[in-house]
Amino acid sequence: PDDTICAHLGDGEVAVLKASDTKNLGSWAENGKNTESI
């Protein structure tokens, strides 16, 4: 919706605080695979 999770840190670096749960990773996550692990 906006760029709030992105930041320019200087020296050409941009950090993205990406939501990393399966729901927010959409098509890149393996469907039906349990990603929880020890």
All heavy atoms as atom14 arrays in JSON, in Angstrom:
{
  "sequence": "PDDTICAHLGDGEVAVLKASDTKNLGSWAENGKNTESI",
  "atom14_mask": [
    [1, 1, 1, 1, 1, 1, 1, 0, 0, 0, 0, 0, 0, 0],
    [1, 1, 1, 1, 1, 1, 1, 1, 0, 0, 0, 0, 0, 0],
    [1, 1, 1, 1, 1, 1, 1, 1, 0, 0, 0, 0, 0, 0],
    [1, 1, 1, 1, 1, 1, 1, 0, 0, 0, 0, 0, 0, 0],
    [1, 1, 1, 1, 1, 1, 1, 1, 0, 0, 0, 0, 0, 0],
    [1, 1, 1, 1, 1, 1, 0, 0, 0, 0, 0, 0, 0, 0],
    [1, 1, 1, 1, 1, 0, 0, 0, 0, 0, 0, 0, 0, 0],
    [1, 1, 1, 1, 1, 1, 1, 1, 1, 1, 0, 0, 0, 0],
    [1, 1, 1, 1, 1, 1, 1, 1, 0, 0, 0, 0, 0, 0],
    [1, 1, 1, 1, 0, 0, 0, 0, 0, 0, 0, 0, 0, 0],
    [1, 1, 1, 1, 1, 1, 1, 1, 0, 0, 0, 0, 0, 0],
    [1, 1, 1, 1, 0, 0, 0, 0, 0, 0, 0, 0, 0, 0],
    [1, 1, 1, 1, 1, 1, 1, 1, 1, 0, 0, 0, 0, 0],
    [1, 1, 1, 1, 1, 1, 1, 0, 0, 0, 0, 0, 0, 0],
    [1, 1, 1, 1, 1, 0, 0, 0, 0, 0, 0, 0, 0, 0],
    [1, 1, 1, 1, 1, 1, 1, 0, 0, 0, 0, 0, 0, 0],
    [1, 1, 1, 1, 1, 1, 1, 1, 0, 0, 0, 0, 0, 0],
    [1, 1, 1, 1, 1, 1, 1, 1, 1, 0, 0, 0, 0, 0],
    [1, 1, 1, 1, 1, 0, 0, 0, 0, 0, 0, 0, 0, 0],
    [1, 1, 1, 1, 1, 1, 0, 0, 0, 0, 0, 0, 0, 0],
    [1, 1, 1, 1, 1, 1, 1, 1, 0, 0, 0, 0, 0, 0],
    [1, 1, 1, 1, 1, 1, 1, 0, 0, 0, 0, 0, 0, 0],
    [1, 1, 1, 1, 1, 1, 1, 1, 1, 0, 0, 0, 0, 0],
    [1, 1, 1, 1, 1, 1, 1, 1, 0, 0, 0, 0, 0, 0],
    [1, 1, 1, 1, 1, 1, 1, 1, 0, 0, 0, 0, 0, 0],
    [1, 1, 1, 1, 0, 0, 0, 0, 0, 0, 0, 0, 0, 0],
    [1, 1, 1, 1, 1, 1, 0, 0, 0, 0, 0, 0, 0, 0],
    [1, 1, 1, 1, 1, 1, 1, 1, 1, 1, 1, 1, 1, 1],
    [1, 1, 1, 1, 1, 0, 0, 0, 0, 0, 0, 0, 0, 0],
    [1, 1, 1, 1, 1, 1, 1, 1, 1, 0, 0, 0, 0, 0],
    [1, 1, 1, 1, 1, 1, 1, 1, 0, 0, 0, 0, 0, 0],
    [1, 1, 1, 1, 0, 0, 0, 0, 0, 0, 0, 0, 0, 0],
    [1, 1, 1, 1, 1, 1, 1, 1, 1, 0, 0, 0, 0, 0],
    [1, 1, 1, 1, 1, 1, 1, 1, 0, 0, 0, 0, 0, 0],
    [1, 1, 1, 1, 1, 1, 1, 0, 0, 0, 0, 0, 0, 0],
    [1, 1, 1, 1, 1, 1, 1, 1, 1, 0, 0, 0, 0, 0],
    [1, 1, 1, 1, 1, 1, 0, 0, 0, 0, 0, 0, 0, 0],
    [1, 1, 1, 1, 1, 1, 1, 1, 0, 0, 0, 0, 0, 0]
  ],
  "atom14_positions": [
    [[0.82, -1.23, 0.0], [0.0, 0.0, 0.0], [0.84, 1.26, 0.0], [0.41, 2.3, -0.48], [-0.82, -0.12, 1.29], [0.0, -1.03, 2.17], [0.67, -2.0, 1.25], [0.0, 0.0, 0.0], [0.0, 0.0, 0.0], [0.0, 0.0, 0.0], [0.0, 0.0, 0.0], [0.0, 0.0, 0.0], [0.0, 0.0, 0.0], [0.0, 0.0, 0.0]],
    [[2.06, 1.2, 0.56], [2.96, 2.37, 0.6], [4.38, 1.88, 0.84], [4.65, 0.68, 0.83], [2.53, 3.37, 1.68], [2.37, 2.7, 3.04], [3.31, 1.97, 3.45], [1.34, 2.88, 3.7], [0.0, 0.0, 0.0], [0.0, 0.0, 0.0], [0.0, 0.0, 0.0], [0.0, 0.0, 0.0], [0.0, 0.0, 0.0], [0.0, 0.0, 0.0]],
    [[5.27, 2.83, 1.06], [6.69, 2.48, 1.19], [7.19, 2.49, 2.63], [8.39, 2.59, 2.88], [7.56, 3.44, 0.36], [7.5, 4.88, 0.87], [6.74, 5.13, 1.82], [8.2, 5.73, 0.31], [0.0, 0.0, 0.0], [0.0, 0.0, 0.0], [0.0, 0.0, 0.0], [0.0, 0.0, 0.0], [0.0, 0.0, 0.0], [0.0, 0.0, 0.0]],
    [[6.26, 2.33, 3.59], [6.65, 2.48, 5.0], [7.65, 1.43, 5.46], [8.39, 1.66, 6.41], [5.43, 2.43, 5.93], [4.67, 1.26, 5.65], [4.56, 3.66, 5.76], [0.0, 0.0, 0.0], [0.0, 0.0, 0.0], [0.0, 0.0, 0.0], [0.0, 0.0, 0.0], [0.0, 0.0, 0.0], [0.0, 0.0, 0.0], [0.0, 0.0, 0.0]],
    [[7.67, 0.25, 4.83], [8.6, -0.79, 5.3], [9.96, -0.7, 4.62], [10.82, -1.53, 4.84], [8.02, -2.21, 5.08], [7.9, -2.52, 3.58], [6.69, -2.38, 5.79], [7.68, -3.97, 3.28], [0.0, 0.0, 0.0], [0.0, 0.0, 0.0], [0.0, 0.0, 0.0], [0.0, 0.0, 0.0], [0.0, 0.0, 0.0], [0.0, 0.0, 0.0]],
    [[10.17, 0.32, 3.78], [11.43, 0.49, 3.06], [12.18, 1.69, 3.61], [11.57, 2.69, 4.01], [11.18, 0.7, 1.57], [10.21, -0.6, 0.77], [0.0, 0.0, 0.0], [0.0, 0.0, 0.0], [0.0, 0.0, 0.0], [0.0, 0.0, 0.0], [0.0, 0.0, 0.0], [0.0, 0.0, 0.0], [0.0, 0.0, 0.0], [0.0, 0.0, 0.0]],
    [[13.5, 1.62, 3.6], [14.31, 2.75, 4.06], [15.62, 2.81, 3.3], [16.25, 1.78, 3.02], [14.6, 2.63, 5.55], [0.0, 0.0, 0.0], [0.0, 0.0, 0.0], [0.0, 0.0, 0.0], [0.0, 0.0, 0.0], [0.0, 0.0, 0.0], [0.0, 0.0, 0.0], [0.0, 0.0, 0.0], [0.0, 0.0, 0.0], [0.0, 0.0, 0.0]],
    [[16.02, 4.03, 2.94], [17.33, 4.25, 2.33], [18.33, 4.45, 3.45], [18.24, 5.41, 4.21], [17.28, 5.49, 1.42], [18.58, 5.78, 0.75], [18.95, 7.04, 0.32], [19.63, 4.96, 0.44], [20.15, 7.0, -0.21], [20.59, 5.74, -0.16], [0.0, 0.0, 0.0], [0.0, 0.0, 0.0], [0.0, 0.0, 0.0], [0.0, 0.0, 0.0]],
    [[19.28, 3.53, 3.59], [20.25, 3.57, 4.69], [21.51, 4.34, 4.35], [22.38, 4.52, 5.21], [20.62, 2.14, 5.1], [19.46, 1.21, 5.47], [20.01, -0.16, 5.87], [18.61, 1.79, 6.58], [0.0, 0.0, 0.0], [0.0, 0.0, 0.0], [0.0, 0.0, 0.0], [0.0, 0.0, 0.0], [0.0, 0.0, 0.0], [0.0, 0.0, 0.0]],
    [[21.63, 4.8, 3.11], [22.85, 5.48, 2.68], [23.79, 4.54, 1.96], [23.64, 3.31, 2.02], [0.0, 0.0, 0.0], [0.0, 0.0, 0.0], [0.0, 0.0, 0.0], [0.0, 0.0, 0.0], [0.0, 0.0, 0.0], [0.0, 0.0, 0.0], [0.0, 0.0, 0.0], [0.0, 0.0, 0.0], [0.0, 0.0, 0.0], [0.0, 0.0, 0.0]],
    [[24.75, 5.1, 1.23], [25.75, 4.3, 0.47], [25.09, 3.32, -0.48], [25.59, 2.2, -0.69], [26.69, 3.55, 1.43], [27.62, 4.49, 2.17], [27.95, 5.54, 1.6], [27.99, 4.17, 3.31], [0.0, 0.0, 0.0], [0.0, 0.0, 0.0], [0.0, 0.0, 0.0], [0.0, 0.0, 0.0], [0.0, 0.0, 0.0], [0.0, 0.0, 0.0]],
    [[23.95, 3.7, -1.04], [23.29, 2.85, -2.03], [22.56, 1.66, -1.46], [22.17, 0.77, -2.22], [0.0, 0.0, 0.0], [0.0, 0.0, 0.0], [0.0, 0.0, 0.0], [0.0, 0.0, 0.0], [0.0, 0.0, 0.0], [0.0, 0.0, 0.0], [0.0, 0.0, 0.0], [0.0, 0.0, 0.0], [0.0, 0.0, 0.0], [0.0, 0.0, 0.0]],
    [[22.36, 1.61, -0.15], [21.67, 0.48, 0.47], [20.22, 0.82, 0.79], [19.93, 1.87, 1.37], [22.37, 0.04, 1.76], [23.64, -0.74, 1.55], [24.17, -1.36, 2.83], [23.64, -1.05, 3.92], [25.12, -2.15, 2.75], [0.0, 0.0, 0.0], [0.0, 0.0, 0.0], [0.0, 0.0, 0.0], [0.0, 0.0, 0.0], [0.0, 0.0, 0.0]],
    [[19.32, -0.08, 0.42], [17.9, 0.05, 0.75], [17.49, -1.2, 1.53], [17.74, -2.32, 1.08], [17.04, 0.18, -0.52], [15.55, 0.11, -0.17], [17.34, 1.49, -1.25], [0.0, 0.0, 0.0], [0.0, 0.0, 0.0], [0.0, 0.0, 0.0], [0.0, 0.0, 0.0], [0.0, 0.0, 0.0], [0.0, 0.0, 0.0], [0.0, 0.0, 0.0]],
    [[16.91, -1.0, 2.7], [16.44, -2.13, 3.51], [14.93, -2.27, 3.35], [14.19, -1.28, 3.39], [16.79, -1.91, 4.98], [0.0, 0.0, 0.0], [0.0, 0.0, 0.0], [0.0, 0.0, 0.0], [0.0, 0.0, 0.0], [0.0, 0.0, 0.0], [0.0, 0.0, 0.0], [0.0, 0.0, 0.0], [0.0, 0.0, 0.0], [0.0, 0.0, 0.0]],
    [[14.48, -3.5, 3.18], [13.06, -3.81, 3.11], [12.73, -4.74, 4.27], [13.31, -5.83, 4.38], [12.69, -4.49, 1.77], [11.19, -4.76, 1.7], [13.14, -3.64, 0.59], [0.0, 0.0, 0.0], [0.0, 0.0, 0.0], [0.0, 0.0, 0.0], [0.0, 0.0, 0.0], [0.0, 0.0, 0.0], [0.0, 0.0, 0.0], [0.0, 0.0, 0.0]],
    [[11.83, -4.31, 5.15], [11.43, -5.15, 6.29], [10.24, -5.99, 5.83], [9.08, -5.66, 6.07], [11.06, -4.27, 7.49], [12.05, -3.17, 7.88], [11.63, -2.51, 9.19], [13.46, -3.74, 8.02], [0.0, 0.0, 0.0], [0.0, 0.0, 0.0], [0.0, 0.0, 0.0], [0.0, 0.0, 0.0], [0.0, 0.0, 0.0], [0.0, 0.0, 0.0]],
    [[10.53, -7.11, 5.18], [9.5, -7.89, 4.51], [8.79, -8.83, 5.46], [9.43, -9.59, 6.18], [10.13, -8.71, 3.37], [9.13, -9.55, 2.58], [8.23, -8.66, 1.75], [7.17, -9.48, 1.01], [6.05, -9.9, 1.87], [0.0, 0.0, 0.0], [0.0, 0.0, 0.0], [0.0, 0.0, 0.0], [0.0, 0.0, 0.0], [0.0, 0.0, 0.0]],
    [[7.45, -8.77, 5.45], [6.67, -9.74, 6.21], [7.03, -11.14, 5.7], [6.93, -11.42, 4.51], [5.17, -9.47, 6.04], [0.0, 0.0, 0.0], [0.0, 0.0, 0.0], [0.0, 0.0, 0.0], [0.0, 0.0, 0.0], [0.0, 0.0, 0.0], [0.0, 0.0, 0.0], [0.0, 0.0, 0.0], [0.0, 0.0, 0.0], [0.0, 0.0, 0.0]],
    [[7.46, -12.02, 6.62], [8.07, -13.28, 6.18], [7.24, -14.51, 6.52], [7.74, -15.63, 6.45], [9.46, -13.42, 6.81], [9.38, -13.37, 8.23], [0.0, 0.0, 0.0], [0.0, 0.0, 0.0], [0.0, 0.0, 0.0], [0.0, 0.0, 0.0], [0.0, 0.0, 0.0], [0.0, 0.0, 0.0], [0.0, 0.0, 0.0], [0.0, 0.0, 0.0]],
    [[5.97, -14.31, 6.91], [5.13, -15.48, 7.13], [4.61, -15.98, 5.78], [4.65, -15.28, 4.78], [3.97, -15.14, 8.07], [3.15, -13.95, 7.58], [3.72, -13.08, 6.9], [1.94, -13.9, 7.86], [0.0, 0.0, 0.0], [0.0, 0.0, 0.0], [0.0, 0.0, 0.0], [0.0, 0.0, 0.0], [0.0, 0.0, 0.0], [0.0, 0.0, 0.0]],
    [[4.12, -17.22, 5.76], [3.69, -17.85, 4.51], [2.63, -17.04, 3.79], [2.67, -16.87, 2.57], [3.16, -19.28, 4.79], [4.18, -20.02, 5.46], [2.78, -19.98, 3.51], [0.0, 0.0, 0.0], [0.0, 0.0, 0.0], [0.0, 0.0, 0.0], [0.0, 0.0, 0.0], [0.0, 0.0, 0.0], [0.0, 0.0, 0.0], [0.0, 0.0, 0.0]],
    [[1.67, -16.49, 4.54], [0.58, -15.73, 3.94], [1.11, -14.55, 3.14], [0.68, -14.29, 2.02], [-0.38, -15.24, 5.03], [-1.51, -14.37, 4.52], [-2.38, -13.88, 5.67], [-3.45, -12.93, 5.17], [-4.28, -12.39, 6.3], [0.0, 0.0, 0.0], [0.0, 0.0, 0.0], [0.0, 0.0, 0.0], [0.0, 0.0, 0.0], [0.0, 0.0, 0.0]],
    [[2.07, -13.81, 3.72], [2.58, -12.62, 3.06], [3.62, -12.9, 1.98], [3.97, -12.0, 1.22], [3.19, -11.67, 4.11], [2.13, -10.89, 4.86], [1.49, -9.99, 4.33], [1.91, -11.26, 6.12], [0.0, 0.0, 0.0], [0.0, 0.0, 0.0], [0.0, 0.0, 0.0], [0.0, 0.0, 0.0], [0.0, 0.0, 0.0], [0.0, 0.0, 0.0]],
    [[4.1, -14.14, 1.92], [5.04, -14.49, 0.87], [4.32, -15.08, -0.35], [4.95, -15.34, -1.36], [6.09, -15.48, 1.4], [7.14, -14.82, 2.29], [7.98, -15.88, 2.98], [8.03, -13.88, 1.49], [0.0, 0.0, 0.0], [0.0, 0.0, 0.0], [0.0, 0.0, 0.0], [0.0, 0.0, 0.0], [0.0, 0.0, 0.0], [0.0, 0.0, 0.0]],
    [[3.01, -15.3, -0.21], [2.17, -15.66, -1.34], [2.69, -16.79, -2.19], [3.01, -17.88, -1.71], [0.0, 0.0, 0.0], [0.0, 0.0, 0.0], [0.0, 0.0, 0.0], [0.0, 0.0, 0.0], [0.0, 0.0, 0.0], [0.0, 0.0, 0.0], [0.0, 0.0, 0.0], [0.0, 0.0, 0.0], [0.0, 0.0, 0.0], [0.0, 0.0, 0.0]],
    [[2.82, -16.53, -3.49], [3.16, -17.57, -4.46], [4.57, -18.1, -4.3], [4.92, -19.13, -4.87], [2.98, -17.04, -5.89], [3.82, -15.92, -6.1], [0.0, 0.0, 0.0], [0.0, 0.0, 0.0], [0.0, 0.0, 0.0], [0.0, 0.0, 0.0], [0.0, 0.0, 0.0], [0.0, 0.0, 0.0], [0.0, 0.0, 0.0], [0.0, 0.0, 0.0]],
    [[5.42, -17.38, -3.55], [6.81, -17.85, -3.39], [6.92, -18.96, -2.35], [7.88, -19.69, -2.32], [7.71, -16.69, -3.01], [7.77, -15.65, -4.07], [8.33, -15.78, -5.32], [7.23, -14.34, -4.0], [8.16, -14.61, -6.03], [7.5, -13.7, -5.24], [6.54, -13.63, -3.02], [7.09, -12.4, -5.51], [6.15, -12.33, -3.3], [6.42, -11.73, -4.52]],
    [[5.9, -19.07, -1.47], [5.89, -20.13, -0.45], [5.36, -21.4, -1.09], [4.54, -21.37, -2.0], [5.03, -19.73, 0.73], [0.0, 0.0, 0.0], [0.0, 0.0, 0.0], [0.0, 0.0, 0.0], [0.0, 0.0, 0.0], [0.0, 0.0, 0.0], [0.0, 0.0, 0.0], [0.0, 0.0, 0.0], [0.0, 0.0, 0.0], [0.0, 0.0, 0.0]],
    [[5.83, -22.53, -0.6], [5.39, -23.81, -1.14], [4.02, -24.15, -0.57], [3.86, -24.28, 0.64], [6.39, -24.92, -0.8], [7.74, -24.71, -1.45], [8.69, -25.85, -1.16], [8.2, -26.97, -0.87], [9.91, -25.64, -1.19], [0.0, 0.0, 0.0], [0.0, 0.0, 0.0], [0.0, 0.0, 0.0], [0.0, 0.0, 0.0], [0.0, 0.0, 0.0]],
    [[3.04, -24.27, -1.46], [1.67, -24.55, -1.03], [1.57, -25.88, -0.3], [2.08, -26.89, -0.74], [0.72, -24.57, -2.24], [0.62, -23.21, -2.89], [0.72, -22.2, -2.22], [0.41, -23.19, -4.2], [0.0, 0.0, 0.0], [0.0, 0.0, 0.0], [0.0, 0.0, 0.0], [0.0, 0.0, 0.0], [0.0, 0.0, 0.0], [0.0, 0.0, 0.0]],
    [[0.91, -25.81, 0.86], [0.66, -27.03, 1.62], [1.84, -27.53, 2.41], [1.76, -28.52, 3.12], [0.0, 0.0, 0.0], [0.0, 0.0, 0.0], [0.0, 0.0, 0.0], [0.0, 0.0, 0.0], [0.0, 0.0, 0.0], [0.0, 0.0, 0.0], [0.0, 0.0, 0.0], [0.0, 0.0, 0.0], [0.0, 0.0, 0.0], [0.0, 0.0, 0.0]],
    [[2.99, -26.85, 2.31], [4.16, -27.31, 3.04], [4.27, -26.59, 4.37], [4.18, -25.38, 4.45], [5.44, -27.07, 2.22], [6.68, -27.63, 2.9], [7.88, -27.57, 2.0], [9.12, -28.16, 2.68], [10.3, -28.14, 1.82], [0.0, 0.0, 0.0], [0.0, 0.0, 0.0], [0.0, 0.0, 0.0], [0.0, 0.0, 0.0], [0.0, 0.0, 0.0]],
    [[4.44, -27.34, 5.44], [4.58, -26.76, 6.76], [5.98, -26.21, 6.93], [6.96, -26.95, 6.9], [4.3, -27.82, 7.84], [4.4, -27.24, 9.24], [4.43, -26.03, 9.43], [4.44, -28.12, 10.23], [0.0, 0.0, 0.0], [0.0, 0.0, 0.0], [0.0, 0.0, 0.0], [0.0, 0.0, 0.0], [0.0, 0.0, 0.0], [0.0, 0.0, 0.0]],
    [[6.08, -24.88, 7.07], [7.39, -24.26, 7.16], [7.87, -24.11, 8.59], [8.96, -23.62, 8.84], [7.36, -22.86, 6.5], [6.36, -22.08, 7.15], [7.05, -22.96, 5.03], [0.0, 0.0, 0.0], [0.0, 0.0, 0.0], [0.0, 0.0, 0.0], [0.0, 0.0, 0.0], [0.0, 0.0, 0.0], [0.0, 0.0, 0.0], [0.0, 0.0, 0.0]],
    [[7.03, -24.5, 9.56], [7.47, -24.43, 10.95], [8.5, -25.53, 11.2], [8.34, -26.66, 10.77], [6.27, -24.61, 11.9], [5.21, -23.51, 11.76], [5.76, -22.15, 12.12], [6.62, -22.08, 13.02], [5.35, -21.16, 11.51], [0.0, 0.0, 0.0], [0.0, 0.0, 0.0], [0.0, 0.0, 0.0], [0.0, 0.0, 0.0], [0.0, 0.0, 0.0]],
    [[9.53, -25.21, 11.87], [10.56, -26.2, 12.15], [11.22, -25.88, 13.48], [11.02, -24.82, 14.07], [11.61, -26.21, 11.03], [12.32, -24.99, 11.04], [0.0, 0.0, 0.0], [0.0, 0.0, 0.0], [0.0, 0.0, 0.0], [0.0, 0.0, 0.0], [0.0, 0.0, 0.0], [0.0, 0.0, 0.0], [0.0, 0.0, 0.0], [0.0, 0.0, 0.0]],
    [[12.02, -26.86, 13.96], [12.76, -26.63, 15.2], [13.69, -25.44, 15.02], [13.84, -24.6, 15.89], [13.55, -27.9, 15.57], [12.58, -29.05, 15.86], [14.44, -27.65, 16.78], [13.26, -30.38, 16.1], [0.0, 0.0, 0.0], [0.0, 0.0, 0.0], [0.0, 0.0, 0.0], [0.0, 0.0, 0.0], [0.0, 0.0, 0.0], [0.0, 0.0, 0.0]]
  ]
}
